[in-house]
PDB file of N, CA and C in Angstrom:
ATOM      1  N   MET A   1     -38.445 -95.273  67.621  1.00  0.00           N
ATOM      2  CA  MET A   1     -40.053 -95.081  68.142  1.00  0.00           C
ATOM      3  C   MET A   1     -40.705 -96.337  67.436  1.00  0.00           C
ATOM      4  N   THR A   2     -41.741 -96.813  68.469  1.00  0.00           N
ATOM      5  CA  THR A   2     -43.105 -97.580  67.776  1.00  0.00           C
ATOM      6  C   THR A   2     -44.173 -97.239  67.798  1.00  0.00           C
ATOM      7  N   THR A   3     -45.300 -97.452  66.684  1.00  0.00           N
ATOM      8  CA  THR A   3     -46.503 -96.738  66.552  1.00  0.00           C
ATOM      9  C   THR A   3     -47.161 -97.857  66.833  1.00  0.00           C
ATOM     10  N   ILE A   4     -48.553 -97.781  68.185  1.00  0.00           N
ATOM     11  CA  ILE A   4     -49.221 -98.782  68.433  1.00  0.00           C
ATOM     12  C   ILE A   4     -50.210 -98.332  68.432  1.00  0.00           C
ATOM     13  N   THR A   5     -51.200 -98.908  67.590  1.00  0.00           N
ATOM     14  CA  THR A   5     -52.704 -98.834  66.933  1.00  0.00           C
ATOM     15  C   THR A   5     -53.449 -99.382  68.535  1.00  0.00           C
ATOM     16  N   LEU A   6     -54.218 -97.961  68.975  1.00  0.00           N
ATOM     17  CA  LEU A   6     -54.946 -98.077  70.415  1.00  0.00           C
ATOM     18  C   LEU A   6     -56.604 -98.845  69.741  1.00  0.00           C
ATOM     19  N   CYS A   7     -56.685 -98.290  68.873  1.00  0.00           N
ATOM     20  CA  CYS A   7     -58.564 -98.487  68.590  1.00  0.00           C
ATOM     21  C   CYS A   7     -58.939 -97.609  67.064  1.00  0.00           C
ATOM     22  N   GLN A   8     -59.965 -98.190  66.379  1.00  0.00           N
ATOM     23  CA  GLN A   8     -60.565 -97.342  65.546  1.00  0.00           C
ATOM     24  C   GLN A   8     -61.567 -95.974  65.873  1.00  0.00           C
ATOM     25  N   LEU A   9     -62.090 -95.293  65.392  1.00  0.00           N
ATOM     26  CA  LEU A   9     -62.772 -94.156  65.505  1.00  0.00           C
ATOM     27  C   LEU A   9     -64.099 -94.824  66.015  1.00  0.00           C
ATOM     28  N   ASP A  10     -64.924 -95.647  64.998  1.00  0.00           N
ATOM     29  CA  ASP A  10     -65.649 -96.140  65.222  1.00  0.00           C
ATOM     30  C   ASP A  10     -66.577 -97.160  66.824  1.00  0.00           C
ATOM     31  N   ASP A  11     -64.982 -97.462  67.121  1.00  0.00           N
ATOM     32  CA  ASP A  11     -64.736 -98.531  68.367  1.00  0.00           C
ATOM     33  C   ASP A  11     -65.285 -97.684  69.613  1.00  0.00           C
ATOM     34  N   ILE A  12     -65.258 -96.453  69.967  1.00  0.00           N
ATOM     35  CA  ILE A  12     -65.432 -95.525  70.780  1.00  0.00           C
ATOM     36  C   ILE A  12     -66.643 -94.746  70.547  1.00  0.00           C
ATOM     37  N   PRO A  13     -67.825 -94.824  71.520  1.00  0.00           N
ATOM     38  CA  PRO A  13     -69.250 -94.245  70.882  1.00  0.00           C
ATOM     39  C   PRO A  13     -69.212 -92.817  70.970  1.00  0.00           C
ATOM     40  N   ASP A  14     -69.817 -92.450  70.165  1.00  0.00           N
ATOM     41  CA  ASP A  14     -69.913 -90.672  70.444  1.00  0.00           C
ATOM     42  C   ASP A  14     -70.603 -90.152  71.508  1.00  0.00           C
ATOM     43  N   GLY A  15     -69.938 -89.753  72.317  1.00  0.00           N
ATOM     44  CA  GLY A  15     -70.370 -88.987  73.568  1.00  0.00           C
ATOM     45  C   GLY A  15     -70.126 -90.043  74.690  1.00  0.00           C
ATOM     46  N   GLY A  16     -69.460 -90.915  74.222  1.00  0.00           N
ATOM     47  CA  GLY A  16     -68.769 -92.115  75.355  1.00  0.00           C
ATOM     48  C   GLY A  16     -67.571 -92.260  75.056  1.00  0.00           C
ATOM     49  N   ALA A  17     -66.730 -93.380  76.168  1.00  0.00           N
ATOM     50  CA  ALA A  17     -65.770 -93.819  76.307  1.00  0.00           C
ATOM     51  C   ALA A  17     -65.354 -95.013  76.290  1.00  0.00           C
ATOM     52  N   LEU A  18     -64.265 -95.458  76.016  1.00  0.00           N
ATOM     53  CA  LEU A  18     -63.739 -96.567  76.009  1.00  0.00           C
ATOM     54  C   LEU A  18     -62.613 -97.175  76.397  1.00  0.00           C
ATOM     55  N   GLY A  19     -62.257 -97.998  77.202  1.00  0.00           N
ATOM     56  CA  GLY A  19     -61.417 -98.693  78.101  1.00  0.00           C
ATOM     57  C   GLY A  19     -60.563 -98.988  76.922  1.00  0.00           C
ATOM     58  N   LEU A  20     -59.282 -99.142  77.579  1.00  0.00           N
ATOM     59  CA  LEU A  20     -58.201 -99.526  76.677  1.00  0.00           C
ATOM     60  C   LEU A  20     -57.149-100.377  77.425  1.00  0.00           C
ATOM     61  N   PRO A  21     -58.059-101.550  78.161  1.00  0.00           N
ATOM     62  CA  PRO A  21     -56.799-102.491  79.195  1.00  0.00           C
ATOM     63  C   PRO A  21     -55.953-103.189  78.372  1.00  0.00           C
ATOM     64  N   GLN A  22     -56.169-103.436  76.982  1.00  0.00           N
ATOM     65  CA  GLN A  22     -54.881-104.111  76.479  1.00  0.00           C
ATOM     66  C   GLN A  22     -54.013-103.475  76.427  1.00  0.00           C
ATOM     67  N   HIS A  23     -53.376-102.081  76.953  1.00  0.00           N
ATOM     68  CA  HIS A  23     -52.441-101.190  76.132  1.00  0.00           C
ATOM     69  C   HIS A  23     -51.656-100.958  77.838  1.00  0.00           C
ATOM     70  N   ARG A  24     -51.713-102.170  79.114  1.00  0.00           N
ATOM     71  CA  ARG A  24     -51.409-101.565  80.429  1.00  0.00           C
ATOM     72  C   ARG A  24     -50.054-101.563  80.316  1.00  0.00           C
ATOM     73  N   GLN A  25     -49.439-102.213  78.939  1.00  0.00           N
ATOM     74  CA  GLN A  25     -47.736-102.233  78.795  1.00  0.00           C
ATOM     75  C   GLN A  25     -47.421-100.179  79.356  1.00  0.00           C
ATOM     76  N   LEU A  26     -48.323 -99.632  78.375  1.00  0.00           N
ATOM     77  CA  LEU A  26     -48.032 -98.080  78.312  1.00  0.00           C
ATOM     78  C   LEU A  26     -48.205 -97.178  79.377  1.00  0.00           C
ATOM     79  N   HIS A  27     -49.286 -98.214  80.419  1.00  0.00           N
ATOM     80  CA  HIS A  27     -49.066 -97.752  81.933  1.00  0.00           C
ATOM     81  C   HIS A  27     -50.275 -98.477  82.335  1.00  0.00           C
ATOM     82  N   PRO A  28     -49.888 -99.293  83.929  1.00  0.00           N
ATOM     83  CA  PRO A  28     -50.535-100.321  84.506  1.00  0.00           C
ATOM     84  C   PRO A  28     -52.084-100.018  84.967  1.00  0.00           C
ATOM     85  N   ALA A  29     -52.586 -98.524  84.986  1.00  0.00           N
ATOM     86  CA  ALA A  29     -53.956 -98.418  84.811  1.00  0.00           C
ATOM     87  C   ALA A  29     -54.732 -98.550  84.017  1.00  0.00           C
ATOM     88  N   GLY A  30     -54.149 -98.403  82.841  1.00  0.00           N
ATOM     89  CA  GLY A  30     -54.696 -98.567  81.150  1.00  0.00           C
ATOM     90  C   GLY A  30     -54.951 -97.211  80.864  1.00  0.00           C
ATOM     91  N   LEU A  31     -55.726 -97.312  79.856  1.00  0.00           N
ATOM     92  CA  LEU A  31     -56.056 -95.935  79.009  1.00  0.00           C
ATOM     93  C   LEU A  31     -57.666 -95.941  79.009  1.00  0.00           C
ATOM     94  N   VAL A  32     -57.920 -94.593  78.687  1.00  0.00           N
ATOM     95  CA  VAL A  32     -59.257 -94.603  78.589  1.00  0.00           C
ATOM     96  C   VAL A  32     -59.600 -93.527  77.207  1.00  0.00           C
ATOM     97  N   ALA A  33     -60.544 -93.430  76.186  1.00  0.00           N
ATOM     98  CA  ALA A  33     -60.331 -92.910  75.296  1.00  0.00           C
ATOM     99  C   ALA A  33     -61.887 -92.011  75.622  1.00  0.00           C
ATOM    100  N   VAL A  34     -61.934 -91.153  75.238  1.00  0.00           N
ATOM    101  CA  VAL A  34     -63.477 -90.068  75.409  1.00  0.00           C
ATOM    102  C   VAL A  34     -63.585 -89.739  73.550  1.00  0.00           C
ATOM    103  N   ARG A  35     -65.138 -89.544  73.035  1.00  0.00           N
ATOM    104  CA  ARG A  35     -64.868 -89.157  72.111  1.00  0.00           C
ATOM    105  C   ARG A  35     -66.064 -88.171  71.581  1.00  0.00           C
ATOM    106  N   GLN A  36     -66.029 -87.158  71.517  1.00  0.00           N
ATOM    107  CA  GLN A  36     -66.957 -86.083  70.742  1.00  0.00           C
ATOM    108  C   GLN A  36     -67.022 -85.809  69.028  1.00  0.00           C
ATOM    109  N   GLY A  37     -68.343 -87.130  68.610  1.00  0.00           N
ATOM    110  CA  GLY A  37     -68.037 -86.654  67.060  1.00  0.00           C
ATOM    111  C   GLY A  37     -66.769 -87.317  66.597  1.00  0.00           C
ATOM    112  N   GLU A  38     -66.021 -86.324  65.907  1.00  0.00           N
ATOM    113  CA  GLU A  38     -64.552 -86.935  65.107  1.00  0.00           C
ATOM    114  C   GLU A  38     -63.450 -86.207  66.083  1.00  0.00           C
ATOM    115  N   GLN A  39     -63.479 -86.064  67.094  1.00  0.00           N
ATOM    116  CA  GLN A  39     -62.833 -85.667  68.035  1.00  0.00           C
ATOM    117  C   GLN A  39     -62.462 -86.978  69.108  1.00  0.00           C
ATOM    118  N   VAL A  40     -61.155 -87.065  69.409  1.00  0.00           N
ATOM    119  CA  VAL A  40     -61.204 -88.145  70.790  1.00  0.00           C
ATOM    120  C   VAL A  40     -59.765 -87.843  71.385  1.00  0.00           C
ATOM    121  N   TRP A  41     -59.752 -87.729  73.133  1.00  0.00           N
ATOM    122  CA  TRP A  41     -59.136 -87.529  73.586  1.00  0.00           C
ATOM    123  C   TRP A  41     -58.897 -88.809  74.409  1.00  0.00           C
ATOM    124  N   VAL A  42     -57.557 -89.202  75.184  1.00  0.00           N
ATOM    125  CA  VAL A  42     -57.255 -89.967  75.634  1.00  0.00           C
ATOM    126  C   VAL A  42     -56.493 -90.073  76.637  1.00  0.00           C
ATOM    127  N   TYR A  43     -56.864 -90.567  78.009  1.00  0.00           N
ATOM    128  CA  TYR A  43     -56.551 -90.505  79.267  1.00  0.00           C
ATOM    129  C   TYR A  43     -55.743 -91.254  79.926  1.00  0.00           C
ATOM    130  N   ILE A  44     -54.635 -91.545  80.721  1.00  0.00           N
ATOM    131  CA  ILE A  44     -54.332 -92.736  82.201  1.00  0.00           C
ATOM    132  C   ILE A  44     -55.907 -92.910  82.687  1.00  0.00           C
ATOM    133  N   ASN A  45     -56.480 -94.194  82.439  1.00  0.00           N
ATOM    134  CA  ASN A  45     -57.405 -94.557  83.951  1.00  0.00           C
ATOM    135  C   ASN A  45     -57.286 -94.412  85.280  1.00  0.00           C
ATOM    136  N   ARG A  46     -57.205 -92.872  85.347  1.00  0.00           N
ATOM    137  CA  ARG A  46     -57.057 -93.051  87.264  1.00  0.00           C
ATOM    138  C   ARG A  46     -57.334 -91.615  87.537  1.00  0.00           C
ATOM    139  N   CYS A  47     -58.050 -91.672  88.400  1.00  0.00           N
ATOM    140  CA  CYS A  47     -58.669 -90.316  89.000  1.00  0.00           C
ATOM    141  C   CYS A  47     -57.823 -89.865  89.520  1.00  0.00           C
ATOM    142  N   PRO A  48     -57.026 -88.479  90.085  1.00  0.00           N
ATOM    143  CA  PRO A  48     -56.230 -87.818  90.318  1.00  0.00           C
ATOM    144  C   PRO A  48     -56.533 -87.925  92.087  1.00  0.00           C
ATOM    145  N   HIS A  49     -57.718 -87.723  92.350  1.00  0.00           N
ATOM    146  CA  HIS A  49     -58.180 -87.710  93.436  1.00  0.00           C
ATOM    147  C   HIS A  49     -57.356 -88.922  94.407  1.00  0.00           C
ATOM    148  N   PHE A  50     -58.026 -90.186  94.124  1.00  0.00           N
ATOM    149  CA  PHE A  50     -57.141 -91.253  95.327  1.00  0.00           C
ATOM    150  C   PHE A  50     -56.382 -92.339  94.141  1.00  0.00           C
ATOM    151  N   SER A  51     -56.499 -91.725  92.993  1.00  0.00           N
ATOM    152  CA  SER A  51     -55.278 -92.932  91.933  1.00  0.00           C
ATOM    153  C   SER A  51     -56.098 -93.941  91.882  1.00  0.00           C
ATOM    154  N   VAL A  52     -57.564 -94.324  91.651  1.00  0.00           N
ATOM    155  CA  VAL A  52     -58.413 -94.656  91.584  1.00  0.00           C
ATOM    156  C   VAL A  52     -59.028 -94.838  90.204  1.00  0.00           C
ATOM    157  N   PRO A  53     -59.205 -95.944  89.416  1.00  0.00           N
ATOM    158  CA  PRO A  53     -59.867 -96.496  87.900  1.00  0.00           C
ATOM    159  C   PRO A  53     -60.755 -95.700  88.343  1.00  0.00           C
ATOM    160  N   LEU A  54     -61.213 -94.934  86.785  1.00  0.00           N
ATOM    161  CA  LEU A  54     -62.731 -94.339  86.319  1.00  0.00           C
ATOM    162  C   LEU A  54     -63.581 -95.061  86.145  1.00  0.00           C
ATOM    163  N   ASP A  55     -63.285 -96.279  85.715  1.00  0.00           N
ATOM    164  CA  ASP A  55     -64.823 -96.913  85.572  1.00  0.00           C
ATOM    165  C   ASP A  55     -65.046 -97.602  86.900  1.00  0.00           C
ATOM    166  N   TYR A  56     -66.611 -97.830  86.886  1.00  0.00           N
ATOM    167  CA  TYR A  56     -66.847 -98.511  88.256  1.00  0.00           C
ATOM    168  C   TYR A  56     -67.087 -99.952  87.672  1.00  0.00           C
ATOM    169  N   ARG A  57     -67.092-100.594  86.611  1.00  0.00           N
ATOM    170  CA  ARG A  57     -66.773-102.037  86.706  1.00  0.00           C
ATOM    171  C   ARG A  57     -65.816-101.913  85.059  1.00  0.00           C
ATOM    172  N   PRO A  58     -65.082-103.459  84.781  1.00  0.00           N
ATOM    173  CA  PRO A  58     -64.108-103.311  84.120  1.00  0.00           C
ATOM    174  C   PRO A  58     -64.569-102.613  82.880  1.00  0.00           C
ATOM    175  N   GLN A  59     -64.634-101.527  82.277  1.00  0.00           N
ATOM    176  CA  GLN A  59     -64.629-100.882  80.720  1.00  0.00           C
ATOM    177  C   GLN A  59     -65.790-100.688  80.883  1.00  0.00           C
ATOM    178  N   GLU A  60     -66.096-100.330  81.934  1.00  0.00           N
ATOM    179  CA  GLU A  60     -67.871 -99.485  82.077  1.00  0.00           C
ATOM    180  C   GLU A  60     -67.984 -97.872  82.850  1.00  0.00           C
ATOM    181  N   PHE A  61     -67.653 -97.614  81.670  1.00  0.00           N
ATOM    182  CA  PHE A  61     -67.212 -95.834  82.056  1.00  0.00           C
ATOM    183  C   PHE A  61     -68.667 -95.015  82.253  1.00  0.00           C
ATOM    184  N   CYS A  62     -68.631 -93.869  83.197  1.00  0.00           N
ATOM    185  CA  CYS A  62     -69.926 -93.136  83.139  1.00  0.00           C
ATOM    186  C   CYS A  62     -69.603 -91.781  82.279  1.00  0.00           C
ATOM    187  N   THR A  63     -70.315 -91.298  81.445  1.00  0.00           N
ATOM    188  CA  THR A  63     -70.527 -90.359  80.413  1.00  0.00           C
ATOM    189  C   THR A  63     -71.539 -89.159  80.914  1.00  0.00           C
ATOM    190  N   TYR A  64     -71.267 -88.046  80.857  1.00  0.00           N
ATOM    191  CA  TYR A  64     -72.734 -87.187  80.943  1.00  0.00           C
ATOM    192  C   TYR A  64     -72.851 -86.125  79.965  1.00  0.00           C
ATOM    193  N   ARG A  65     -73.741 -86.295  79.256  1.00  0.00           N
ATOM    194  CA  ARG A  65     -74.289 -85.273  78.085  1.00  0.00           C
ATOM    195  C   ARG A  65     -73.117 -85.438  77.117  1.00  0.00           C
ATOM    196  N   GLY A  66     -72.275 -86.283  77.015  1.00  0.00           N
ATOM    197  CA  GLY A  66     -71.656 -86.541  75.927  1.00  0.00           C
ATOM    198  C   GLY A  66     -70.028 -85.980  76.222  1.00  0.00           C
ATOM    199  N   LYS A  67     -69.934 -84.971  76.931  1.00  0.00           N
ATOM    200  CA  LYS A  67     -69.297 -84.069  77.847  1.00  0.00           C
ATOM    201  C   LYS A  67     -67.985 -84.040  78.643  1.00  0.00           C
ATOM    202  N   VAL A  68     -68.589 -85.260  79.300  1.00  0.00           N
ATOM    203  CA  VAL A  68     -67.827 -85.306  80.524  1.00  0.00           C
ATOM    204  C   VAL A  68     -67.659 -86.737  80.763  1.00  0.00           C
ATOM    205  N   LEU A  69     -66.448 -87.244  81.172  1.00  0.00           N
ATOM    206  CA  LEU A  69     -66.117 -88.280  82.042  1.00  0.00           C
ATOM    207  C   LEU A  69     -66.489 -88.147  84.016  1.00  0.00           C
ATOM    208  N   MET A  70     -67.703 -89.384  84.047  1.00  0.00           N
ATOM    209  CA  MET A  70     -67.522 -89.524  85.554  1.00  0.00           C
ATOM    210  C   MET A  70     -66.617 -90.273  86.183  1.00  0.00           C
ATOM    211  N   CYS A  71     -65.912 -90.073  87.266  1.00  0.00           N
ATOM    212  CA  CYS A  71     -65.177 -91.105  88.221  1.00  0.00           C
ATOM    213  C   CYS A  71     -66.618 -91.889  88.927  1.00  0.00           C
ATOM    214  N   ALA A  72     -66.327 -93.250  88.649  1.00  0.00           N
ATOM    215  CA  ALA A  72     -67.185 -94.117  89.528  1.00  0.00           C
ATOM    216  C   ALA A  72     -67.393 -94.243  91.024  1.00  0.00           C
ATOM    217  N   HIS A  73     -66.432 -93.716  91.550  1.00  0.00           N
ATOM    218  CA  HIS A  73     -65.873 -94.121  92.915  1.00  0.00           C
ATOM    219  C   HIS A  73     -66.294 -92.927  93.718  1.00  0.00           C
ATOM    220  N   HIS A  74     -65.800 -91.726  93.174  1.00  0.00           N
ATOM    221  CA  HIS A  74     -66.366 -90.666  94.172  1.00  0.00           C
ATOM    222  C   HIS A  74     -66.894 -89.134  93.269  1.00  0.00           C
ATOM    223  N   SER A  75     -67.587 -89.546  91.946  1.00  0.00           N
ATOM    224  CA  SER A  75     -68.305 -89.052  91.092  1.00  0.00           C
ATOM    225  C   SER A  75     -67.350 -87.317  90.696  1.00  0.00           C
ATOM    226  N   ALA A  76     -66.141 -87.316  90.680  1.00  0.00           N
ATOM    227  CA  ALA A  76     -65.737 -86.447  90.092  1.00  0.00           C
ATOM    228  C   ALA A  76     -65.816 -86.385  88.271  1.00  0.00           C
ATOM    229  N   MET A  77     -65.752 -85.193  88.309  1.00  0.00           N
ATOM    230  CA  MET A  77     -66.599 -84.749  86.834  1.00  0.00           C
ATOM    231  C   MET A  77     -65.357 -84.072  85.355  1.00  0.00           C
ATOM    232  N   PHE A  78     -65.130 -84.793  84.944  1.00  0.00           N
ATOM    233  CA  PHE A  78     -63.793 -84.524  83.955  1.00  0.00           C
ATOM    234  C   PHE A  78     -64.081 -84.093  82.925  1.00  0.00           C
ATOM    235  N   ARG A  79     -64.104 -82.601  81.858  1.00  0.00           N
ATOM    236  CA  ARG A  79     -64.380 -82.552  80.884  1.00  0.00           C
ATOM    237  C   ARG A  79     -63.470 -83.021  79.931  1.00  0.00           C
ATOM    238  N   PHE A  80     -63.881 -84.026  78.829  1.00  0.00           N
ATOM    239  CA  PHE A  80     -63.495 -84.979  77.558  1.00  0.00           C
ATOM    240  C   PHE A  80     -62.627 -83.879  77.052  1.00  0.00           C
ATOM    241  N   GLU A  81     -62.535 -82.686  76.584  1.00  0.00           N
ATOM    242  CA  GLU A  81     -61.562 -81.795  75.589  1.00  0.00           C
ATOM    243  C   GLU A  81     -60.118 -81.675  76.630  1.00  0.00           C
ATOM    244  N   ASP A  82     -60.272 -81.280  77.899  1.00  0.00           N
ATOM    245  CA  ASP A  82     -58.872 -81.443  78.297  1.00  0.00           C
ATOM    246  C   ASP A  82     -58.300 -82.240  79.926  1.00  0.00           C
ATOM    247  N   GLY A  83     -59.501 -82.831  80.176  1.00  0.00           N
ATOM    248  CA  GLY A  83     -59.387 -83.917  81.185  1.00  0.00           C
ATOM    249  C   GLY A  83     -59.690 -82.915  82.552  1.00  0.00           C
ATOM    250  N   HIS A  84     -59.704 -81.394  82.436  1.00  0.00           N
ATOM    251  CA  HIS A  84     -59.950 -81.237  83.474  1.00  0.00           C
ATOM    252  C   HIS A  84     -61.526 -81.291  84.475  1.00  0.00           C
ATOM    253  N   CYS A  85     -61.250 -81.637  86.234  1.00  0.00           N
ATOM    254  CA  CYS A  85     -62.009 -81.842  87.102  1.00  0.00           C
ATOM    255  C   CYS A  85     -62.896 -80.641  87.336  1.00  0.00           C
ATOM    256  N   ILE A  86     -64.080 -80.355  86.868  1.00  0.00           N
ATOM    257  CA  ILE A  86     -65.103 -79.385  86.906  1.00  0.00           C
ATOM    258  C   ILE A  86     -66.282 -79.315  88.247  1.00  0.00           C
ATOM    259  N   ASP A  87     -65.967 -80.766  88.908  1.00  0.00           N
ATOM    260  CA  ASP A  87     -66.933 -80.908  89.907  1.00  0.00           C
ATOM    261  C   ASP A  87     -66.229 -82.185  90.880  1.00  0.00           C
ATOM    262  N   GLY A  88     -66.199 -82.293  92.328  1.00  0.00           N
ATOM    263  CA  GLY A  88     -66.311 -83.047  92.764  1.00  0.00           C
ATOM    264  C   GLY A  88     -65.028 -83.005  93.918  1.00  0.00           C
ATOM    265  N   PRO A  89     -64.686 -84.271  93.978  1.00  0.00           N
ATOM    266  CA  PRO A  89     -63.494 -84.177  95.467  1.00  0.00           C
ATOM    267  C   PRO A  89     -62.345 -83.312  95.388  1.00  0.00           C
ATOM    268  N   CYS A  90     -62.254 -83.639  93.966  1.00  0.00           N
ATOM    269  CA  CYS A  90     -60.659 -82.943  93.183  1.00  0.00           C
ATOM    270  C   CYS A  90     -60.997 -82.197  92.356  1.00  0.00           C
ATOM    271  N   LYS A  91     -61.854 -81.385  92.499  1.00  0.00           N
ATOM    272  CA  LYS A  91     -62.075 -80.084  91.370  1.00  0.00           C
ATOM    273  C   LYS A  91     -61.025 -78.927  91.581  1.00  0.00           C
ATOM    274  N   GLY A  92     -60.134 -78.883  90.018  1.00  0.00           N
ATOM    275  CA  GLY A  92     -59.384 -78.263  89.767  1.00  0.00           C
ATOM    276  C   GLY A  92     -58.137 -78.920  89.143  1.00  0.00           C
ATOM    277  N   ALA A  93     -58.350 -80.421  89.407  1.00  0.00           N
ATOM    278  CA  ALA A  93     -57.293 -81.722  89.085  1.00  0.00           C
ATOM    279  C   ALA A  93     -57.493 -81.594  87.921  1.00  0.00           C
ATOM    280  N   GLN A  94     -56.385 -82.601  87.173  1.00  0.00           N
ATOM    281  CA  GLN A  94     -56.426 -83.105  85.898  1.00  0.00           C
ATOM    282  C   GLN A  94     -56.425 -84.261  85.760  1.00  0.00           C
ATOM    283  N   LEU A  95     -57.183 -85.023  84.644  1.00  0.00           N
ATOM    284  CA  LEU A  95     -56.287 -86.117  84.232  1.00  0.00           C
ATOM    285  C   LEU A  95     -55.230 -86.349  83.450  1.00  0.00           C
ATOM    286  N   GLU A  96     -54.134 -87.567  83.500  1.00  0.00           N
ATOM    287  CA  GLU A  96     -53.008 -87.287  82.531  1.00  0.00           C
ATOM    288  C   GLU A  96     -53.441 -87.552  81.264  1.00  0.00           C
ATOM    289  N   SER A  97     -53.190 -87.082  80.488  1.00  0.00           N
ATOM    290  CA  SER A  97     -53.580 -86.793  78.841  1.00  0.00           C
ATOM    291  C   SER A  97     -52.833 -87.739  78.518  1.00  0.00           C
ATOM    292  N   VAL A  98     -52.652 -88.415  77.246  1.00  0.00           N
ATOM    293  CA  VAL A  98     -51.775 -89.185  76.733  1.00  0.00           C
ATOM    294  C   VAL A  98     -51.878 -89.297  75.066  1.00  0.00           C
ATOM    295  N   PRO A  99     -51.101 -88.352  74.531  1.00  0.00           N
ATOM    296  CA  PRO A  99     -50.679 -87.719  73.375  1.00  0.00           C
ATOM    297  C   PRO A  99     -51.044 -89.074  72.038  1.00  0.00           C
ATOM    298  N   VAL A 100     -52.109 -88.543  71.494  1.00  0.00           N
ATOM    299  CA  VAL A 100     -52.282 -89.254  70.248  1.00  0.00           C
ATOM    300  C   VAL A 100     -52.855 -89.014  69.208  1.00  0.00           C
ATOM    301  N   ARG A 101     -52.717 -89.723  68.033  1.00  0.00           N
ATOM    302  CA  ARG A 101     -53.030 -88.835  66.605  1.00  0.00           C
ATOM    303  C   ARG A 101     -53.384 -90.160  65.660  1.00  0.00           C
ATOM    304  N   TRP A 102     -54.284 -89.844  64.465  1.00  0.00           N
ATOM    305  CA  TRP A 102     -54.703 -90.401  63.058  1.00  0.00           C
ATOM    306  C   TRP A 102     -54.352 -91.075  62.311  1.00  0.00           C
ATOM    307  N   VAL A 103     -53.980 -92.254  62.161  1.00  0.00           N
ATOM    308  CA  VAL A 103     -53.428 -92.759  60.948  1.00  0.00           C
ATOM    309  C   VAL A 103     -54.056 -93.565  60.326  1.00  0.00           C
ATOM    310  N   GLU A 104     -54.714 -92.605  59.346  1.00  0.00           N
ATOM    311  CA  GLU A 104     -55.888 -93.324  58.101  1.00  0.00           C
ATOM    312  C   GLU A 104     -57.035 -93.259  59.492  1.00  0.00           C
ATOM    313  N   ASP A 105     -58.020 -94.272  59.496  1.00  0.00           N
ATOM    314  CA  ASP A 105     -59.038 -94.546  60.907  1.00  0.00           C
ATOM    315  C   ASP A 105     -58.813 -94.723  62.134  1.00  0.00           C
ATOM    316  N   CYS A 106     -57.099 -95.090  61.907  1.00  0.00           N
ATOM    317  CA  CYS A 106     -56.616 -95.743  63.569  1.00  0.00           C
ATOM    318  C   CYS A 106     -56.195 -94.654  64.709  1.00  0.00           C
ATOM    319  N   LEU A 107     -56.691 -94.598  65.426  1.00  0.00           N
ATOM    320  CA  LEU A 107     -55.750 -94.283  66.624  1.00  0.00           C
ATOM    321  C   LEU A 107     -54.464 -94.681  67.087  1.00  0.00           C
ATOM    322  N   VAL A 108     -53.620 -93.969  67.246  1.00  0.00           N
ATOM    323  CA  VAL A 108     -52.347 -94.714  67.312  1.00  0.00           C
ATOM    324  C   VAL A 108     -51.824 -93.704  68.199  1.00  0.00           C
ATOM    325  N   ILE A 109     -50.825 -94.335  68.997  1.00  0.00           N
ATOM    326  CA  ILE A 109     -49.820 -93.476  70.008  1.00  0.00           C
ATOM    327  C   ILE A 109     -48.392 -94.181  69.743  1.00  0.00           C
ATOM    328  N   GLN A 110     -47.371 -93.145  69.719  1.00  0.00           N
ATOM    329  CA  GLN A 110     -45.740 -93.061  69.403  1.00  0.00           C
ATOM    330  C   GLN A 110     -45.260 -93.804  70.850  1.00  0.00           C
ATOM    331  N   VAL A 111     -44.537 -94.474  71.096  1.00  0.00           N
ATOM    332  CA  VAL A 111     -43.779 -95.020  72.172  1.00  0.00           C
ATOM    333  C   VAL A 111     -42.136 -95.434  72.228  1.00  0.00           C
ATOM    334  N   VAL A 112     -41.534 -94.717  72.611  1.00  0.00           N
ATOM    335  CA  VAL A 112     -40.117 -94.678  72.317  1.00  0.00           C
ATOM    336  C   VAL A 112     -39.982 -96.400  72.984  1.00  0.00           C
ATOM    337  N   ASN A 113     -39.169 -97.108  72.271  1.00  0.00           N
ATOM    338  CA  ASN A 113     -38.556 -98.287  72.288  1.00  0.00           C
ATOM    339  C   ASN A 113     -37.350 -98.804  73.601  1.00  0.00           C
ATOM    340  N   ALA A 114     -37.690 -99.647  73.865  1.00  0.00           N
ATOM    341  CA  ALA A 114     -36.666 -99.957  75.389  1.00  0.00           C
ATOM    342  C   ALA A 114     -35.304-100.323  74.605  1.00  0.00           C
ATOM    343  N   GLN A 115     -34.673 -99.602  75.195  1.00  0.00           N
ATOM    344  CA  GLN A 115     -32.747 -99.735  74.838  1.00  0.00           C
ATOM    345  C   GLN A 115     -32.538-101.272  76.137  1.00  0.00           C
TER     346      GLN A 115
END
């Protein structure tokens, strides 16, 4: 297993989102981190509606009231805490979450080394 550092807490705006395109080796669509206070969730940057990126321009994400991530293409709304779509064309669907953890002040992911 290899540990990869994604970012630091302060890199993600509180109530906002941060794209992590530098980690496309983890997923071709890239990743997006969303934050509420000290809590952070990471998802694949792909809307389940038509498998399009969630950002409207590279690394520019729409968030609503610091609790919801909105797909820029079809206005689907996803809760930060579980990626569940609460409104829009894919209501009831869910973003694909990425398990992460904190090591000191760095958000990290564990990946299996290629054999």
